[in-house]
């Protein structure tokens, strides 16, 4: 199995895990309406999962912030459609459903065109969560933000002979990341109309160069259909203080990276990390720790020169801030802002700081798995496939 197949199957497996774990207990509406207490005898949560279907169109917003993007996306006009299926989370379930105003969990199918043969007509399959923003009592208006992660395909990748005009993407399959906001208006019991703004990023994490990536900021328009005619009771119950305080996180991650477009070889990379963190309420964990990075390119004399094989050529790392944004008791977004105490320029560790953003899921008790992108100043270093363990440091009474 080659590395591209491994990457593709790994991302599909991660997305499948995302879908399976949330499809059983998650259900959603794109902007829940909160009813007053006097309406509670009429507006009772339906025990059945509340299916929501949305068709969204998006256009424009091609971001060409550098010379490669300007050259590759010249005369591009972007259009796309999203078909999303989600379920409304129910009262009485996971406490995070209530904390996030009973959000959406679901999956979607994306199809697009840039009107440029050398870029291709990408599609994506993804999982998403959409979170209502301050739902108001008995209002027809509602607002939400969403986060999506998936796998894209059908790009026409760079090829020196066959496709030299695409200077942005070197692979057919890439990671799809989406952030968006939306305002909705209730047309009837079953239909809603919405407008919004989205941000999309396509990248292969430097698995194959070029990997400048494609960034979009399109406007969106959507029609949402809710089959059920029964509205929800969105009242909240009292939530006490979070009993969890300090935790210790151990993680190992690995991936592959191409260093030079002229050299097709992909080098193994890995990460060891240990972090202490403290809960700030239920939604956030903040802490400090550090990472040690291993790069197999440090063994290659053509890359590392006279330093090849030495400890300093193989390893780099430094301290980092730790940030978690918890979406449920098991799913959370993870980030780091780190500073290199030692780095290797030949590994394109050419900035003093490193960044990380990704998603993690507690697959069994305190064991977690996930995927993240390590980057330098917005440019991807490599995709990390992560596994680890969290140790609860609470004092046992």
Foldseek 3Di string as FASTA:
>chain_A
DDQVVVVVVVQVVVQVVLCVVQVVAAFADQFAAAADPVCDVQFADDPDWWKKKKKKKWWDFWDQPDPLSCQLLPPWTKIKIKIWIWTWHDPPPFPLCLVQLGKIKTKMKMWMDRPDVLFFIKIWIKIKIKGWDPRYHPAQKTKIKMKIKTKMFGTNADDVPPRPRNQAHHDRMWIKIKIWMKMWGDPDLFKIKIKIWMKIWTAHLQQAPPHNTTIGIIIMIMMMTTPDSRHHHRDDDDDDFDPFFKKKKWKKWKFWHDQDNVDGDIKIKMKTWIWMWTDDTDFKIKTKTKMKMFIQCLQPCVQVPPSRPPPLSGIWMFMWIWMWGDSGPFKIKIKIKGAIPGDDVSLVPPARIKMKIWMKGQPDDFKIWIKMFIADPPHTSGIITMIIGMGGPDDDD
